Amino acid sequence: RSFEQENARREELAEKLAENGYAKYSDFEEVAESTGD
């Protein structure tokens, strides 16, 4: 139950991160993907 709750919470935070990034930076997706690559 704790693992599922933590995963759900992380997914929620990750979505919030992406929303804020897209709203503030026009090239946020490309820049974020470049780090992973």
PDB file of all heavy atoms in Angstrom:
ATOM      1  N   ARG A   1       0.828  -1.207   0.000  1.00  0.00           N
ATOM      2  CA  ARG A   1       0.000   0.000   0.000  1.00  0.00           C
ATOM      3  C   ARG A   1       0.866   1.263   0.000  1.00  0.00           C
ATOM      4  O   ARG A   1       0.607   2.202  -0.752  1.00  0.00           O
ATOM      5  CB  ARG A   1      -0.927  -0.022   1.215  1.00  0.00           C
ATOM      6  CG  ARG A   1      -1.914   1.127   1.263  1.00  0.00           C
ATOM      7  CD  ARG A   1      -3.068   0.842   2.201  1.00  0.00           C
ATOM      8  NE  ARG A   1      -2.620   0.357   3.497  1.00  0.00           N
ATOM      9  CZ  ARG A   1      -2.786  -0.886   3.920  1.00  0.00           C
ATOM     10  NH1 ARG A   1      -3.383  -1.784   3.162  1.00  0.00           N
ATOM     11  NH2 ARG A   1      -2.373  -1.268   5.119  1.00  0.00           N
ATOM     12  N   SER A   2       1.931   1.267   0.810  1.00  0.00           N
ATOM     13  CA  SER A   2       2.831   2.423   0.866  1.00  0.00           C
ATOM     14  C   SER A   2       3.537   2.620  -0.466  1.00  0.00           C
ATOM     15  O   SER A   2       3.708   3.758  -0.936  1.00  0.00           O
ATOM     16  CB  SER A   2       3.869   2.226   1.978  1.00  0.00           C
ATOM     17  OG  SER A   2       3.248   2.139   3.236  1.00  0.00           O
ATOM     18  N   PHE A   3       3.952   1.506  -1.079  1.00  0.00           N
ATOM     19  CA  PHE A   3       4.632   1.587  -2.375  1.00  0.00           C
ATOM     20  C   PHE A   3       3.703   2.171  -3.437  1.00  0.00           C
ATOM     21  O   PHE A   3       4.114   3.037  -4.225  1.00  0.00           O
ATOM     22  CB  PHE A   3       5.096   0.187  -2.787  1.00  0.00           C
ATOM     23  CG  PHE A   3       5.793   0.134  -4.115  1.00  0.00           C
ATOM     24  CD1 PHE A   3       7.101   0.559  -4.243  1.00  0.00           C
ATOM     25  CD2 PHE A   3       5.126  -0.339  -5.235  1.00  0.00           C
ATOM     26  CE1 PHE A   3       7.747   0.509  -5.471  1.00  0.00           C
ATOM     27  CE2 PHE A   3       5.756  -0.386  -6.465  1.00  0.00           C
ATOM     28  CZ  PHE A   3       7.080   0.041  -6.590  1.00  0.00           C
ATOM     29  N   GLU A   4       2.456   1.708  -3.445  1.00  0.00           N
ATOM     30  CA  GLU A   4       1.490   2.221  -4.423  1.00  0.00           C
ATOM     31  C   GLU A   4       1.190   3.701  -4.181  1.00  0.00           C
ATOM     32  O   GLU A   4       1.073   4.489  -5.139  1.00  0.00           O
ATOM     33  CB  GLU A   4       0.204   1.389  -4.353  1.00  0.00           C
ATOM     34  CG  GLU A   4       0.379  -0.036  -4.830  1.00  0.00           C
ATOM     35  CD  GLU A   4      -0.863  -0.883  -4.616  1.00  0.00           C
ATOM     36  OE1 GLU A   4      -1.791  -0.399  -3.912  1.00  0.00           O
ATOM     37  OE2 GLU A   4      -0.919  -2.012  -5.148  1.00  0.00           O
ATOM     38  N   GLN A   5       1.074   4.085  -2.912  1.00  0.00           N
ATOM     39  CA  GLN A   5       0.813   5.489  -2.588  1.00  0.00           C
ATOM     40  C   GLN A   5       1.981   6.371  -2.994  1.00  0.00           C
ATOM     41  O   GLN A   5       1.791   7.470  -3.531  1.00  0.00           O
ATOM     42  CB  GLN A   5       0.536   5.633  -1.090  1.00  0.00           C
ATOM     43  CG  GLN A   5      -0.789   5.030  -0.641  1.00  0.00           C
ATOM     44  CD  GLN A   5      -0.968   5.080   0.863  1.00  0.00           C
ATOM     45  OE1 GLN A   5      -0.034   5.379   1.605  1.00  0.00           O
ATOM     46  NE2 GLN A   5      -2.180   4.791   1.328  1.00  0.00           N
ATOM     47  N   GLU A   6       3.201   5.907  -2.741  1.00  0.00           N
ATOM     48  CA  GLU A   6       4.389   6.680  -3.107  1.00  0.00           C
ATOM     49  C   GLU A   6       4.505   6.813  -4.627  1.00  0.00           C
ATOM     50  O   GLU A   6       4.846   7.882  -5.146  1.00  0.00           O
ATOM     51  CB  GLU A   6       5.644   6.009  -2.545  1.00  0.00           C
ATOM     52  CG  GLU A   6       6.945   6.737  -2.852  1.00  0.00           C
ATOM     53  CD  GLU A   6       7.006   8.137  -2.276  1.00  0.00           C
ATOM     54  OE1 GLU A   6       6.258   8.435  -1.322  1.00  0.00           O
ATOM     55  OE2 GLU A   6       7.799   8.956  -2.794  1.00  0.00           O
ATOM     56  N   ASN A   7       4.208   5.745  -5.341  1.00  0.00           N
ATOM     57  CA  ASN A   7       4.248   5.807  -6.805  1.00  0.00           C
ATOM     58  C   ASN A   7       3.214   6.801  -7.335  1.00  0.00           C
ATOM     59  O   ASN A   7       3.499   7.584  -8.254  1.00  0.00           O
ATOM     60  CB  ASN A   7       3.995   4.425  -7.404  1.00  0.00           C
ATOM     61  CG  ASN A   7       5.258   3.603  -7.501  1.00  0.00           C
ATOM     62  OD1 ASN A   7       6.362   4.104  -7.264  1.00  0.00           O
ATOM     63  ND2 ASN A   7       5.124   2.338  -7.829  1.00  0.00           N
ATOM     64  N   ALA A   8       2.009   6.745  -6.769  1.00  0.00           N
ATOM     65  CA  ALA A   8       0.956   7.674  -7.200  1.00  0.00           C
ATOM     66  C   ALA A   8       1.364   9.114  -6.911  1.00  0.00           C
ATOM     67  O   ALA A   8       1.130  10.019  -7.725  1.00  0.00           O
ATOM     68  CB  ALA A   8      -0.356   7.332  -6.493  1.00  0.00           C
ATOM     69  N   ARG A   9       1.990   9.320  -5.751  1.00  0.00           N
ATOM     70  CA  ARG A   9       2.422  10.676  -5.375  1.00  0.00           C
ATOM     71  C   ARG A   9       3.524  11.162  -6.314  1.00  0.00           C
ATOM     72  O   ARG A   9       3.534  12.324  -6.737  1.00  0.00           O
ATOM     73  CB  ARG A   9       2.915  10.661  -3.929  1.00  0.00           C
ATOM     74  CG  ARG A   9       3.295  12.035  -3.387  1.00  0.00           C
ATOM     75  CD  ARG A   9       3.510  11.957  -1.880  1.00  0.00           C
ATOM     76  NE  ARG A   9       3.962  13.230  -1.359  1.00  0.00           N
ATOM     77  CZ  ARG A   9       5.215  13.631  -1.333  1.00  0.00           C
ATOM     78  NH1 ARG A   9       6.157  12.817  -1.798  1.00  0.00           N
ATOM     79  NH2 ARG A   9       5.565  14.801  -0.862  1.00  0.00           N
ATOM     80  N   ARG A  10       4.454  10.295  -6.650  1.00  0.00           N
ATOM     81  CA  ARG A  10       5.535  10.683  -7.566  1.00  0.00           C
ATOM     82  C   ARG A  10       4.996  11.010  -8.957  1.00  0.00           C
ATOM     83  O   ARG A  10       5.460  11.943  -9.608  1.00  0.00           O
ATOM     84  CB  ARG A  10       6.571   9.559  -7.660  1.00  0.00           C
ATOM     85  CG  ARG A  10       7.533   9.508  -6.486  1.00  0.00           C
ATOM     86  CD  ARG A  10       8.801   8.796  -6.870  1.00  0.00           C
ATOM     87  NE  ARG A  10       9.806   8.849  -5.826  1.00  0.00           N
ATOM     88  CZ  ARG A  10      11.077   8.556  -6.001  1.00  0.00           C
ATOM     89  NH1 ARG A  10      11.509   8.180  -7.194  1.00  0.00           N
ATOM     90  NH2 ARG A  10      11.946   8.621  -5.023  1.00  0.00           N
ATOM     91  N   GLU A  11       4.036  10.221  -9.391  1.00  0.00           N
ATOM     92  CA  GLU A  11       3.439  10.492 -10.700  1.00  0.00           C
ATOM     93  C   GLU A  11       2.753  11.860 -10.702  1.00  0.00           C
ATOM     94  O   GLU A  11       2.834  12.606 -11.683  1.00  0.00           O
ATOM     95  CB  GLU A  11       2.437   9.393 -11.057  1.00  0.00           C
ATOM     96  CG  GLU A  11       3.086   8.052 -11.369  1.00  0.00           C
ATOM     97  CD  GLU A  11       2.067   6.970 -11.650  1.00  0.00           C
ATOM     98  OE1 GLU A  11       0.850   7.299 -11.636  1.00  0.00           O
ATOM     99  OE2 GLU A  11       2.457   5.818 -11.887  1.00  0.00           O
ATOM    100  N   GLU A  12       2.087  12.169  -9.591  1.00  0.00           N
ATOM    101  CA  GLU A  12       1.417  13.465  -9.482  1.00  0.00           C
ATOM    102  C   GLU A  12       2.435  14.611  -9.505  1.00  0.00           C
ATOM    103  O   GLU A  12       2.238  15.627 -10.187  1.00  0.00           O
ATOM    104  CB  GLU A  12       0.607  13.505  -8.192  1.00  0.00           C
ATOM    105  CG  GLU A  12      -0.189  14.790  -8.002  1.00  0.00           C
ATOM    106  CD  GLU A  12      -0.996  14.786  -6.719  1.00  0.00           C
ATOM    107  OE1 GLU A  12      -1.131  13.703  -6.112  1.00  0.00           O
ATOM    108  OE2 GLU A  12      -1.497  15.858  -6.319  1.00  0.00           O
ATOM    109  N   LEU A  13       3.545  14.439  -8.775  1.00  0.00           N
ATOM    110  CA  LEU A  13       4.593  15.464  -8.751  1.00  0.00           C
ATOM    111  C   LEU A  13       5.266  15.595 -10.117  1.00  0.00           C
ATOM    112  O   LEU A  13       5.619  16.704 -10.540  1.00  0.00           O
ATOM    113  CB  LEU A  13       5.638  15.124  -7.687  1.00  0.00           C
ATOM    114  CG  LEU A  13       5.165  15.224  -6.228  1.00  0.00           C
ATOM    115  CD1 LEU A  13       6.247  14.713  -5.289  1.00  0.00           C
ATOM    116  CD2 LEU A  13       4.803  16.669  -5.886  1.00  0.00           C
ATOM    117  N   ALA A  14       5.454  14.457 -10.800  1.00  0.00           N
ATOM    118  CA  ALA A  14       6.074  14.503 -12.133  1.00  0.00           C
ATOM    119  C   ALA A  14       5.177  15.243 -13.125  1.00  0.00           C
ATOM    120  O   ALA A  14       5.664  16.016 -13.969  1.00  0.00           O
ATOM    121  CB  ALA A  14       6.352  13.086 -12.621  1.00  0.00           C
ATOM    122  N   GLU A  15       3.875  15.029 -13.020  1.00  0.00           N
ATOM    123  CA  GLU A  15       2.945  15.746 -13.899  1.00  0.00           C
ATOM    124  C   GLU A  15       2.970  17.251 -13.614  1.00  0.00           C
ATOM    125  O   GLU A  15       2.948  18.071 -14.540  1.00  0.00           O
ATOM    126  CB  GLU A  15       1.532  15.199 -13.702  1.00  0.00           C
ATOM    127  CG  GLU A  15       1.343  13.783 -14.231  1.00  0.00           C
ATOM    128  CD  GLU A  15      -0.047  13.248 -13.955  1.00  0.00           C
ATOM    129  OE1 GLU A  15      -0.862  14.008 -13.364  1.00  0.00           O
ATOM    130  OE2 GLU A  15      -0.322  12.094 -14.323  1.00  0.00           O
ATOM    131  N   LYS A  16       3.054  17.588 -12.340  1.00  0.00           N
ATOM    132  CA  LYS A  16       3.117  19.002 -11.964  1.00  0.00           C
ATOM    133  C   LYS A  16       4.406  19.627 -12.479  1.00  0.00           C
ATOM    134  O   LYS A  16       4.411  20.775 -12.972  1.00  0.00           O
ATOM    135  CB  LYS A  16       3.040  19.129 -10.442  1.00  0.00           C
ATOM    136  CG  LYS A  16       3.043  20.564  -9.941  1.00  0.00           C
ATOM    137  CD  LYS A  16       2.925  20.598  -8.433  1.00  0.00           C
ATOM    138  CE  LYS A  16       2.969  22.055  -7.932  1.00  0.00           C
ATOM    139  NZ  LYS A  16       2.878  22.109  -6.445  1.00  0.00           N
ATOM    140  N   LEU A  17       5.511  18.882 -12.366  1.00  0.00           N
ATOM    141  CA  LEU A  17       6.800  19.365 -12.882  1.00  0.00           C
ATOM    142  C   LEU A  17       6.696  19.665 -14.374  1.00  0.00           C
ATOM    143  O   LEU A  17       7.124  20.736 -14.848  1.00  0.00           O
ATOM    144  CB  LEU A  17       7.869  18.306 -12.612  1.00  0.00           C
ATOM    145  CG  LEU A  17       9.328  18.623 -12.968  1.00  0.00           C
ATOM    146  CD1 LEU A  17      10.263  17.732 -12.143  1.00  0.00           C
ATOM    147  CD2 LEU A  17       9.635  18.419 -14.440  1.00  0.00           C
ATOM    148  N   ALA A  18       6.148  18.714 -15.125  1.00  0.00           N
ATOM    149  CA  ALA A  18       6.033  18.906 -16.570  1.00  0.00           C
ATOM    150  C   ALA A  18       5.126  20.088 -16.915  1.00  0.00           C
ATOM    151  O   ALA A  18       5.447  20.898 -17.797  1.00  0.00           O
ATOM    152  CB  ALA A  18       5.502  17.626 -17.213  1.00  0.00           C
ATOM    153  N   GLU A  19       3.996  20.213 -16.220  1.00  0.00           N
ATOM    154  CA  GLU A  19       3.077  21.327 -16.493  1.00  0.00           C
ATOM    155  C   GLU A  19       3.751  22.674 -16.257  1.00  0.00           C
ATOM    156  O   GLU A  19       3.634  23.597 -17.075  1.00  0.00           O
ATOM    157  CB  GLU A  19       1.835  21.197 -15.602  1.00  0.00           C
ATOM    158  CG  GLU A  19       0.930  20.032 -15.975  1.00  0.00           C
ATOM    159  CD  GLU A  19      -0.218  19.866 -15.005  1.00  0.00           C
ATOM    160  OE1 GLU A  19      -0.302  20.694 -14.049  1.00  0.00           O
ATOM    161  OE2 GLU A  19      -1.023  18.941 -15.168  1.00  0.00           O
ATOM    162  N   ASN A  20       4.452  22.793 -15.137  1.00  0.00           N
ATOM    163  CA  ASN A  20       5.143  24.047 -14.841  1.00  0.00           C
ATOM    164  C   ASN A  20       6.250  24.329 -15.854  1.00  0.00           C
ATOM    165  O   ASN A  20       6.474  25.477 -16.256  1.00  0.00           O
ATOM    166  CB  ASN A  20       5.736  24.010 -13.430  1.00  0.00           C
ATOM    167  CG  ASN A  20       4.671  24.009 -12.352  1.00  0.00           C
ATOM    168  OD1 ASN A  20       3.544  24.447 -12.585  1.00  0.00           O
ATOM    169  ND2 ASN A  20       5.006  23.510 -11.175  1.00  0.00           N
ATOM    170  N   GLY A  21       6.959  23.258 -16.266  1.00  0.00           N
ATOM    171  CA  GLY A  21       8.034  23.433 -17.243  1.00  0.00           C
ATOM    172  C   GLY A  21       7.510  23.873 -18.601  1.00  0.00           C
ATOM    173  O   GLY A  21       8.060  24.797 -19.220  1.00  0.00           O
ATOM    174  N   TYR A  22       6.432  23.244 -19.082  1.00  0.00           N
ATOM    175  CA  TYR A  22       5.855  23.624 -20.372  1.00  0.00           C
ATOM    176  C   TYR A  22       5.313  25.060 -20.336  1.00  0.00           C
ATOM    177  O   TYR A  22       5.394  25.783 -21.341  1.00  0.00           O
ATOM    178  CB  TYR A  22       4.722  22.661 -20.749  1.00  0.00           C
ATOM    179  CG  TYR A  22       5.184  21.243 -20.989  1.00  0.00           C
ATOM    180  CD1 TYR A  22       4.344  20.163 -20.695  1.00  0.00           C
ATOM    181  CD2 TYR A  22       6.450  20.966 -21.506  1.00  0.00           C
ATOM    182  CE1 TYR A  22       4.755  18.862 -20.905  1.00  0.00           C
ATOM    183  CE2 TYR A  22       6.861  19.666 -21.718  1.00  0.00           C
ATOM    184  CZ  TYR A  22       6.019  18.615 -21.412  1.00  0.00           C
ATOM    185  OH  TYR A  22       6.434  17.327 -21.622  1.00  0.00           O
ATOM    186  N   ALA A  23       4.778  25.443 -19.166  1.00  0.00           N
ATOM    187  CA  ALA A  23       4.207  26.782 -19.057  1.00  0.00           C
ATOM    188  C   ALA A  23       5.290  27.862 -19.047  1.00  0.00           C
ATOM    189  O   ALA A  23       5.065  28.970 -19.542  1.00  0.00           O
ATOM    190  CB  ALA A  23       3.361  26.886 -17.787  1.00  0.00           C
ATOM    191  N   LYS A  24       6.467  27.542 -18.516  1.00  0.00           N
ATOM    192  CA  LYS A  24       7.515  28.557 -18.351  1.00  0.00           C
ATOM    193  C   LYS A  24       8.525  28.565 -19.489  1.00  0.00           C
ATOM    194  O   LYS A  24       9.016  29.633 -19.889  1.00  0.00           O
ATOM    195  CB  LYS A  24       8.244  28.326 -17.026  1.00  0.00           C
ATOM    196  CG  LYS A  24       9.254  29.416 -16.681  1.00  0.00           C
ATOM    197  CD  LYS A  24       9.781  29.236 -15.273  1.00  0.00           C
ATOM    198  CE  LYS A  24      10.764  30.356 -14.905  1.00  0.00           C
ATOM    199  NZ  LYS A  24      11.255  30.216 -13.514  1.00  0.00           N
ATOM    200  N   TYR A  25       8.835  27.400 -20.038  1.00  0.00           N
ATOM    201  CA  TYR A  25       9.874  27.293 -21.070  1.00  0.00           C
ATOM    202  C   TYR A  25       9.274  26.681 -22.337  1.00  0.00           C
ATOM    203  O   TYR A  25       8.698  25.584 -22.294  1.00  0.00           O
ATOM    204  CB  TYR A  25      11.035  26.426 -20.587  1.00  0.00           C
ATOM    205  CG  TYR A  25      11.653  26.880 -19.277  1.00  0.00           C
ATOM    206  CD1 TYR A  25      11.354  26.218 -18.087  1.00  0.00           C
ATOM    207  CD2 TYR A  25      12.522  27.957 -19.234  1.00  0.00           C
ATOM    208  CE1 TYR A  25      11.908  26.620 -16.881  1.00  0.00           C
ATOM    209  CE2 TYR A  25      13.093  28.376 -18.031  1.00  0.00           C
ATOM    210  CZ  TYR A  25      12.780  27.702 -16.859  1.00  0.00           C
ATOM    211  OH  TYR A  25      13.333  28.110 -15.670  1.00  0.00           O
ATOM    212  N   SER A  26       9.433  27.365 -23.432  1.00  0.00           N
ATOM    213  CA  SER A  26       8.855  26.879 -24.693  1.00  0.00           C
ATOM    214  C   SER A  26       9.558  25.626 -25.199  1.00  0.00           C
ATOM    215  O   SER A  26       8.954  24.797 -25.894  1.00  0.00           O
ATOM    216  CB  SER A  26       8.928  27.981 -25.757  1.00  0.00           C
ATOM    217  OG  SER A  26      10.286  28.365 -25.976  1.00  0.00           O
ATOM    218  N   ASP A  27      10.844  25.460 -24.880  1.00  0.00           N
ATOM    219  CA  ASP A  27      11.608  24.288 -25.337  1.00  0.00           C
ATOM    220  C   ASP A  27      11.881  23.315 -24.195  1.00  0.00           C
ATOM    221  O   ASP A  27      12.882  22.590 -24.212  1.00  0.00           O
ATOM    222  CB  ASP A  27      12.928  24.735 -25.964  1.00  0.00           C
ATOM    223  CG  ASP A  27      13.772  25.567 -24.990  1.00  0.00           C
ATOM    224  OD1 ASP A  27      13.221  26.027 -23.971  1.00  0.00           O
ATOM    225  OD2 ASP A  27      14.974  25.756 -25.264  1.00  0.00           O
ATOM    226  N   PHE A  28      11.015  23.297 -23.191  1.00  0.00           N
ATOM    227  CA  PHE A  28      11.256  22.484 -21.983  1.00  0.00           C
ATOM    228  C   PHE A  28      11.403  20.999 -22.323  1.00  0.00           C
ATOM    229  O   PHE A  28      12.314  20.329 -21.836  1.00  0.00           O
ATOM    230  CB  PHE A  28      10.108  22.680 -20.987  1.00  0.00           C
ATOM    231  CG  PHE A  28      10.266  21.873 -19.729  1.00  0.00           C
ATOM    232  CD1 PHE A  28      11.113  22.307 -18.723  1.00  0.00           C
ATOM    233  CD2 PHE A  28       9.581  20.682 -19.554  1.00  0.00           C
ATOM    234  CE1 PHE A  28      11.271  21.560 -17.560  1.00  0.00           C
ATOM    235  CE2 PHE A  28       9.726  19.939 -18.400  1.00  0.00           C
ATOM    236  CZ  PHE A  28      10.575  20.380 -17.397  1.00  0.00           C
ATOM    237  N   GLU A  29      10.521  20.480 -23.168  1.00  0.00           N
ATOM    238  CA  GLU A  29      10.557  19.050 -23.476  1.00  0.00           C
ATOM    239  C   GLU A  29      11.864  18.658 -24.142  1.00  0.00           C
ATOM    240  O   GLU A  29      12.494  17.655 -23.773  1.00  0.00           O
ATOM    241  CB  GLU A  29       9.375  18.682 -24.370  1.00  0.00           C
ATOM    242  CG  GLU A  29       9.280  17.182 -24.645  1.00  0.00           C
ATOM    243  CD  GLU A  29       8.023  16.811 -25.404  1.00  0.00           C
ATOM    244  OE1 GLU A  29       7.251  17.729 -25.765  1.00  0.00           O
ATOM    245  OE2 GLU A  29       7.808  15.617 -25.635  1.00  0.00           O
ATOM    246  N   GLU A  30      12.311  19.446 -25.127  1.00  0.00           N
ATOM    247  CA  GLU A  30      13.551  19.128 -25.834  1.00  0.00           C
ATOM    248  C   GLU A  30      14.757  19.197 -24.905  1.00  0.00           C
ATOM    249  O   GLU A  30      15.645  18.327 -24.938  1.00  0.00           O
ATOM    250  CB  GLU A  30      13.763  20.096 -27.008  1.00  0.00           C
ATOM    251  CG  GLU A  30      12.763  19.961 -28.141  1.00  0.00           C
ATOM    252  CD  GLU A  30      11.428  20.644 -27.830  1.00  0.00           C
ATOM    253  OE1 GLU A  30      11.311  21.260 -26.741  1.00  0.00           O
ATOM    254  OE2 GLU A  30      10.512  20.543 -28.658  1.00  0.00           O
ATOM    255  N   VAL A  31      14.778  20.227 -24.043  1.00  0.00           N
ATOM    256  CA  VAL A  31      15.912  20.389 -23.124  1.00  0.00           C
ATOM    257  C   VAL A  31      15.942  19.234 -22.107  1.00  0.00           C
ATOM    258  O   VAL A  31      17.006  18.686 -21.808  1.00  0.00           O
ATOM    259  CB  VAL A  31      15.820  21.752 -22.396  1.00  0.00           C
ATOM    260  CG1 VAL A  31      16.848  21.822 -21.264  1.00  0.00           C
ATOM    261  CG2 VAL A  31      16.038  22.894 -23.373  1.00  0.00           C
ATOM    262  N   ALA A  32      14.775  18.854 -21.570  1.00  0.00           N
ATOM    263  CA  ALA A  32      14.723  17.769 -20.588  1.00  0.00           C
ATOM    264  C   ALA A  32      15.151  16.443 -21.212  1.00  0.00           C
ATOM    265  O   ALA A  32      15.899  15.664 -20.607  1.00  0.00           O
ATOM    266  CB  ALA A  32      13.309  17.653 -20.024  1.00  0.00           C
ATOM    267  N   GLU A  33      14.703  16.191 -22.435  1.00  0.00           N
ATOM    268  CA  GLU A  33      15.077  14.950 -23.109  1.00  0.00           C
ATOM    269  C   GLU A  33      16.559  14.915 -23.435  1.00  0.00           C
ATOM    270  O   GLU A  33      17.182  13.846 -23.428  1.00  0.00           O
ATOM    271  CB  GLU A  33      14.256  14.772 -24.383  1.00  0.00           C
ATOM    272  CG  GLU A  33      12.784  14.444 -24.124  1.00  0.00           C
ATOM    273  CD  GLU A  33      12.004  14.272 -25.414  1.00  0.00           C
ATOM    274  OE1 GLU A  33      12.582  14.523 -26.496  1.00  0.00           O
ATOM    275  OE2 GLU A  33      10.821  13.892 -25.341  1.00  0.00           O
ATOM    276  N   SER A  34      17.152  16.069 -23.706  1.00  0.00           N
ATOM    277  CA  SER A  34      18.584  16.107 -24.038  1.00  0.00           C
ATOM    278  C   SER A  34      19.425  15.644 -22.850  1.00  0.00           C
ATOM    279  O   SER A  34      20.474  15.016 -23.030  1.00  0.00           O
ATOM    280  CB  SER A  34      19.004  17.517 -24.458  1.00  0.00           C
ATOM    281  OG  SER A  34      18.909  18.424 -23.356  1.00  0.00           O
ATOM    282  N   THR A  35      18.962  15.935 -21.625  1.00  0.00           N
ATOM    283  CA  THR A  35      19.700  15.493 -20.441  1.00  0.00           C
ATOM    284  C   THR A  35      19.707  13.975 -20.353  1.00  0.00           C
ATOM    285  O   THR A  35      20.743  13.352 -20.102  1.00  0.00           O
ATOM    286  CB  THR A  35      19.068  16.079 -19.160  1.00  0.00           C
ATOM    287  OG1 THR A  35      18.996  17.496 -19.267  1.00  0.00           O
ATOM    288  CG2 THR A  35      19.900  15.720 -17.938  1.00  0.00           C
ATOM    289  N   GLY A  36      18.542  13.362 -20.549  1.00  0.00           N
ATOM    290  CA  GLY A  36      18.464  11.905 -20.510  1.00  0.00           C
ATOM    291  C   GLY A  36      19.305  11.262 -21.591  1.00  0.00           C
ATOM    292  O   GLY A  36      19.996  10.267 -21.357  1.00  0.00           O
ATOM    293  N   ASP A  37      19.272  11.817 -22.816  1.00  0.00           N
ATOM    294  CA  ASP A  37      20.068  11.272 -23.913  1.00  0.00           C
ATOM    295  C   ASP A  37      21.557  11.356 -23.602  1.00  0.00           C
ATOM    296  O   ASP A  37      22.327  10.422 -23.893  1.00  0.00           O
ATOM    297  CB  ASP A  37      19.763  12.033 -25.203  1.00  0.00           C
ATOM    298  CG  ASP A  37      18.332  11.800 -25.682  1.00  0.00           C
ATOM    299  OD1 ASP A  37      17.729  10.784 -25.265  1.00  0.00           O
ATOM    300  OD2 ASP A  37      17.818  12.643 -26.450  1.00  0.00           O
TER     301      ASP A  37
END
